[in-house]
Amino acid sequence: QRAKEEIQRLNVEIIRIVTFLIDEHNDYYRAIAQNLIPNPSLATELQRRWRHSARISATICKRIASTSGMVGFSGSIFPTQRIGRNTHLGEGIPPPYWLASELGVVEMAVEFEEPVDVEERQVVDDSEETDLVVRELDVEPDGLVQLMEHLATFDDS
């Protein structure tokens, strides 16, 4: 009985961890992009910390992948959307390299509901299909984004 409870807890915690790692990746990306021109020294420090964080995230994801292959694992390794977090924060940001290399995730789908306009007091019908945003790894980012991804992915130190 206790083992089954732990497996259920593990199933929930893995999703939470992967979701946190994706959110952290997106937050670093946005912070670096916002500070690249106005504060290059801050952007450089954030890039250094982002590379370090990405290496740790890759190690965590490698362990999650091996855990997901264990007998009895019945959960998911796909990230979800954190409650209360803006669903648009990750738009236009390429997924981290470790999502595909360590977890084997090549597509992400994020479900979100359109916000309700309070002034019009419209009721959102729950029976409507939820919109899906699909992001594939084969995205061609512009030159600046490519440079940032290169810096985050490959560390010469």
C-alpha atoms as a PDB file:
ATOM      1  CA  GLN A   1       0.000   0.000   0.000  1.00  0.00           C
ATOM      2  CA  ARG A   2       2.764   2.458   0.953  1.00  0.00           C
ATOM      3  CA  ALA A   3       4.643   1.695  -2.272  1.00  0.00           C
ATOM      4  CA  LYS A   4       1.553   2.524  -4.341  1.00  0.00           C
ATOM      5  CA  GLU A   5       1.196   5.843  -2.509  1.00  0.00           C
ATOM      6  CA  GLU A   6       4.832   6.681  -3.226  1.00  0.00           C
ATOM      7  CA  ILE A   7       4.397   5.838  -6.916  1.00  0.00           C
ATOM      8  CA  GLN A   8       1.381   8.167  -7.101  1.00  0.00           C
ATOM      9  CA  ARG A   9       3.345  10.920  -5.359  1.00  0.00           C
ATOM     10  CA  LEU A  10       6.292  10.375  -7.720  1.00  0.00           C
ATOM     11  CA  ASN A  11       3.965  10.648 -10.725  1.00  0.00           C
ATOM     12  CA  VAL A  12       2.787  14.071  -9.529  1.00  0.00           C
ATOM     13  CA  GLU A  13       6.212  15.365  -8.485  1.00  0.00           C
ATOM     14  CA  ILE A  14       7.877  14.483 -11.793  1.00  0.00           C
ATOM     15  CA  ILE A  15       5.346  16.575 -13.704  1.00  0.00           C
ATOM     16  CA  ARG A  16       5.855  19.451 -11.260  1.00  0.00           C
ATOM     17  CA  ILE A  17       9.643  19.292 -11.586  1.00  0.00           C
ATOM     18  CA  VAL A  18       9.622  19.233 -15.386  1.00  0.00           C
ATOM     19  CA  THR A  19       7.106  22.096 -15.445  1.00  0.00           C
ATOM     20  CA  PHE A  20       9.302  24.124 -13.076  1.00  0.00           C
ATOM     21  CA  LEU A  21      12.391  23.482 -15.216  1.00  0.00           C
ATOM     22  CA  ILE A  22      10.581  24.645 -18.370  1.00  0.00           C
ATOM     23  CA  ASP A  23       9.300  27.759 -16.580  1.00  0.00           C
ATOM     24  CA  GLU A  24      12.799  28.532 -15.273  1.00  0.00           C
ATOM     25  CA  HIS A  25      14.223  28.161 -18.794  1.00  0.00           C
ATOM     26  CA  ASN A  26      11.598  30.560 -20.159  1.00  0.00           C
ATOM     27  CA  ASP A  27      12.185  33.075 -17.355  1.00  0.00           C
ATOM     28  CA  TYR A  28      15.953  33.127 -17.927  1.00  0.00           C
ATOM     29  CA  TYR A  29      15.454  33.479 -21.679  1.00  0.00           C
ATOM     30  CA  ARG A  30      13.096  36.444 -21.287  1.00  0.00           C
ATOM     31  CA  ALA A  31      15.298  38.132 -18.654  1.00  0.00           C
ATOM     32  CA  ILE A  32      18.391  37.820 -20.853  1.00  0.00           C
ATOM     33  CA  ALA A  33      16.556  39.114 -23.927  1.00  0.00           C
ATOM     34  CA  GLN A  34      15.166  42.083 -21.984  1.00  0.00           C
ATOM     35  CA  ASN A  35      18.595  43.059 -20.619  1.00  0.00           C
ATOM     36  CA  LEU A  36      20.812  42.355 -23.616  1.00  0.00           C
ATOM     37  CA  ILE A  37      20.838  45.963 -24.842  1.00  0.00           C
ATOM     38  CA  PRO A  38      20.077  48.082 -21.742  1.00  0.00           C
ATOM     39  CA  ASN A  39      22.259  46.112 -19.311  1.00  0.00           C
ATOM     40  CA  PRO A  40      24.740  43.792 -21.089  1.00  0.00           C
ATOM     41  CA  SER A  41      26.692  42.945 -17.941  1.00  0.00           C
ATOM     42  CA  LEU A  42      23.521  41.691 -16.254  1.00  0.00           C
ATOM     43  CA  ALA A  43      22.602  39.745 -19.394  1.00  0.00           C
ATOM     44  CA  THR A  44      26.067  38.143 -19.392  1.00  0.00           C
ATOM     45  CA  GLU A  45      25.728  37.087 -15.759  1.00  0.00           C
ATOM     46  CA  LEU A  46      22.241  35.716 -16.414  1.00  0.00           C
ATOM     47  CA  GLN A  47      23.616  33.732 -19.377  1.00  0.00           C
ATOM     48  CA  ARG A  48      26.315  32.243 -17.145  1.00  0.00           C
ATOM     49  CA  ARG A  49      23.742  31.226 -14.562  1.00  0.00           C
ATOM     50  CA  TRP A  50      21.411  29.954 -17.288  1.00  0.00           C
ATOM     51  CA  ARG A  51      24.126  27.645 -18.649  1.00  0.00           C
ATOM     52  CA  HIS A  52      24.755  26.319 -15.149  1.00  0.00           C
ATOM     53  CA  SER A  53      21.024  25.827 -14.574  1.00  0.00           C
ATOM     54  CA  ALA A  54      20.668  24.070 -17.943  1.00  0.00           C
ATOM     55  CA  ARG A  55      23.383  21.555 -17.012  1.00  0.00           C
ATOM     56  CA  ILE A  56      21.617  20.817 -13.731  1.00  0.00           C
ATOM     57  CA  SER A  57      18.257  20.541 -15.512  1.00  0.00           C
ATOM     58  CA  ALA A  58      19.763  18.095 -18.017  1.00  0.00           C
ATOM     59  CA  THR A  59      21.037  15.899 -15.176  1.00  0.00           C
ATOM     60  CA  ILE A  60      17.663  15.996 -13.436  1.00  0.00           C
ATOM     61  CA  CYS A  61      15.893  15.114 -16.689  1.00  0.00           C
ATOM     62  CA  LYS A  62      18.295  12.245 -17.323  1.00  0.00           C
ATOM     63  CA  ARG A  63      17.329  10.812 -13.921  1.00  0.00           C
ATOM     64  CA  ILE A  64      13.647  11.416 -14.591  1.00  0.00           C
ATOM     65  CA  ALA A  65      13.969   9.548 -17.892  1.00  0.00           C
ATOM     66  CA  SER A  66      15.582   6.572 -16.166  1.00  0.00           C
ATOM     67  CA  THR A  67      12.913   6.669 -13.439  1.00  0.00           C
ATOM     68  CA  SER A  68      10.153   6.699 -16.049  1.00  0.00           C
ATOM     69  CA  GLY A  69      11.564   3.473 -17.462  1.00  0.00           C
ATOM     70  CA  MET A  70      11.236   1.631 -14.164  1.00  0.00           C
ATOM     71  CA  VAL A  71       8.655  -1.082 -13.667  1.00  0.00           C
ATOM     72  CA  GLY A  72       5.540   0.359 -12.070  1.00  0.00           C
ATOM     73  CA  PHE A  73       5.996   3.915 -13.329  1.00  0.00           C
ATOM     74  CA  SER A  74       2.598   5.010 -14.560  1.00  0.00           C
ATOM     75  CA  GLY A  75       3.020   8.797 -14.726  1.00  0.00           C
ATOM     76  CA  SER A  76       3.939  11.275 -17.389  1.00  0.00           C
ATOM     77  CA  ILE A  77       7.163  13.163 -18.039  1.00  0.00           C
ATOM     78  CA  PHE A  78       5.438  15.935 -20.003  1.00  0.00           C
ATOM     79  CA  PRO A  79       5.254  19.401 -18.478  1.00  0.00           C
ATOM     80  CA  THR A  80       1.953  21.073 -17.697  1.00  0.00           C
ATOM     81  CA  GLN A  81       0.890  24.662 -17.063  1.00  0.00           C
ATOM     82  CA  ARG A  82       1.405  26.000 -13.558  1.00  0.00           C
ATOM     83  CA  ILE A  83      -1.800  27.409 -12.075  1.00  0.00           C
ATOM     84  CA  GLY A  84      -1.734  31.190 -11.998  1.00  0.00           C
ATOM     85  CA  ARG A  85       1.138  31.502 -14.478  1.00  0.00           C
ATOM     86  CA  ASN A  86       0.530  33.461 -17.664  1.00  0.00           C
ATOM     87  CA  THR A  87       0.117  30.945 -20.482  1.00  0.00           C
ATOM     88  CA  HIS A  88       1.790  33.281 -22.972  1.00  0.00           C
ATOM     89  CA  LEU A  89       5.139  33.612 -21.170  1.00  0.00           C
ATOM     90  CA  GLY A  90       6.700  30.787 -23.169  1.00  0.00           C
ATOM     91  CA  GLU A  91       5.496  31.918 -26.576  1.00  0.00           C
ATOM     92  CA  GLY A  92       8.296  32.423 -29.074  1.00  0.00           C
ATOM     93  CA  ILE A  93      10.893  30.823 -26.813  1.00  0.00           C
ATOM     94  CA  PRO A  94      12.559  27.686 -28.166  1.00  0.00           C
ATOM     95  CA  PRO A  95      12.367  24.714 -25.830  1.00  0.00           C
ATOM     96  CA  PRO A  96      15.521  23.847 -23.884  1.00  0.00           C
ATOM     97  CA  TYR A  97      17.937  21.399 -25.496  1.00  0.00           C
ATOM     98  CA  TRP A  98      17.582  18.914 -22.617  1.00  0.00           C
ATOM     99  CA  LEU A  99      13.862  18.485 -23.255  1.00  0.00           C
ATOM    100  CA  ALA A 100      14.638  16.480 -26.393  1.00  0.00           C
ATOM    101  CA  SER A 101      18.106  15.144 -25.581  1.00  0.00           C
ATOM    102  CA  GLU A 102      17.307  13.790 -22.113  1.00  0.00           C
ATOM    103  CA  LEU A 103      13.541  13.305 -22.038  1.00  0.00           C
ATOM    104  CA  GLY A 104      12.952  12.625 -25.730  1.00  0.00           C
ATOM    105  CA  VAL A 105      10.149  15.205 -25.918  1.00  0.00           C
ATOM    106  CA  VAL A 106       9.992  16.655 -29.427  1.00  0.00           C
ATOM    107  CA  GLU A 107       6.584  18.343 -29.200  1.00  0.00           C
ATOM    108  CA  MET A 108       4.858  20.181 -26.398  1.00  0.00           C
ATOM    109  CA  ALA A 109       1.162  20.939 -26.244  1.00  0.00           C
ATOM    110  CA  VAL A 110      -0.090  23.480 -23.765  1.00  0.00           C
ATOM    111  CA  GLU A 111      -3.784  23.717 -23.058  1.00  0.00           C
ATOM    112  CA  PHE A 112      -5.186  27.062 -22.050  1.00  0.00           C
ATOM    113  CA  GLU A 113      -8.537  28.751 -21.734  1.00  0.00           C
ATOM    114  CA  GLU A 114      -9.224  32.162 -23.202  1.00  0.00           C
ATOM    115  CA  PRO A 115      -9.636  34.787 -20.483  1.00  0.00           C
ATOM    116  CA  VAL A 116     -13.166  35.900 -19.699  1.00  0.00           C
ATOM    117  CA  ASP A 117     -13.980  39.573 -20.268  1.00  0.00           C
ATOM    118  CA  VAL A 118     -15.361  40.644 -16.897  1.00  0.00           C
ATOM    119  CA  GLU A 119     -17.137  43.738 -18.229  1.00  0.00           C
ATOM    120  CA  GLU A 120     -19.169  41.758 -20.733  1.00  0.00           C
ATOM    121  CA  ARG A 121     -19.670  38.951 -18.194  1.00  0.00           C
ATOM    122  CA  GLN A 122     -19.478  36.274 -20.829  1.00  0.00           C
ATOM    123  CA  VAL A 123     -19.719  32.708 -19.646  1.00  0.00           C
ATOM    124  CA  VAL A 124     -17.069  30.381 -21.026  1.00  0.00           C
ATOM    125  CA  ASP A 125     -18.627  27.119 -22.166  1.00  0.00           C
ATOM    126  CA  ASP A 126     -16.566  24.243 -20.757  1.00  0.00           C
ATOM    127  CA  SER A 127     -17.751  21.954 -23.546  1.00  0.00           C
ATOM    128  CA  GLU A 128     -15.810  23.946 -26.160  1.00  0.00           C
ATOM    129  CA  GLU A 129     -12.554  22.450 -27.340  1.00  0.00           C
ATOM    130  CA  THR A 130      -9.494  23.771 -25.565  1.00  0.00           C
ATOM    131  CA  ASP A 131      -7.001  25.522 -27.810  1.00  0.00           C
ATOM    132  CA  LEU A 132      -3.660  23.821 -28.251  1.00  0.00           C
ATOM    133  CA  VAL A 133      -0.342  25.451 -28.806  1.00  0.00           C
ATOM    134  CA  VAL A 134       2.136  23.079 -30.341  1.00  0.00           C
ATOM    135  CA  ARG A 135       5.809  23.916 -30.310  1.00  0.00           C
ATOM    136  CA  GLU A 136       8.252  21.797 -32.262  1.00  0.00           C
ATOM    137  CA  LEU A 137      11.991  21.697 -31.898  1.00  0.00           C
ATOM    138  CA  ASP A 138      12.503  22.420 -35.583  1.00  0.00           C
ATOM    139  CA  VAL A 139      11.885  26.155 -35.073  1.00  0.00           C
ATOM    140  CA  GLU A 140      14.200  28.519 -36.965  1.00  0.00           C
ATOM    141  CA  PRO A 141      14.927  31.355 -34.529  1.00  0.00           C
ATOM    142  CA  ASP A 142      16.503  34.614 -35.650  1.00  0.00           C
ATOM    143  CA  GLY A 143      20.237  35.246 -35.336  1.00  0.00           C
ATOM    144  CA  LEU A 144      20.123  36.701 -31.818  1.00  0.00           C
ATOM    145  CA  VAL A 145      18.108  33.786 -30.503  1.00  0.00           C
ATOM    146  CA  GLN A 146      20.447  31.323 -32.204  1.00  0.00           C
ATOM    147  CA  LEU A 147      23.395  32.983 -30.519  1.00  0.00           C
ATOM    148  CA  MET A 148      21.707  32.835 -27.112  1.00  0.00           C
ATOM    149  CA  GLU A 149      20.763  29.180 -27.580  1.00  0.00           C
ATOM    150  CA  HIS A 150      24.332  28.414 -28.632  1.00  0.00           C
ATOM    151  CA  LEU A 151      25.680  30.114 -25.521  1.00  0.00           C
ATOM    152  CA  ALA A 152      23.217  28.278 -23.288  1.00  0.00           C
ATOM    153  CA  THR A 153      23.710  24.875 -24.887  1.00  0.00           C
ATOM    154  CA  PHE A 154      27.452  24.673 -25.277  1.00  0.00           C
ATOM    155  CA  ASP A 155      29.788  25.600 -22.485  1.00  0.00           C
ATOM    156  CA  ASP A 156      33.499  25.815 -23.226  1.00  0.00           C
ATOM    157  CA  SER A 157      34.524  25.988 -19.567  1.00  0.00           C
END
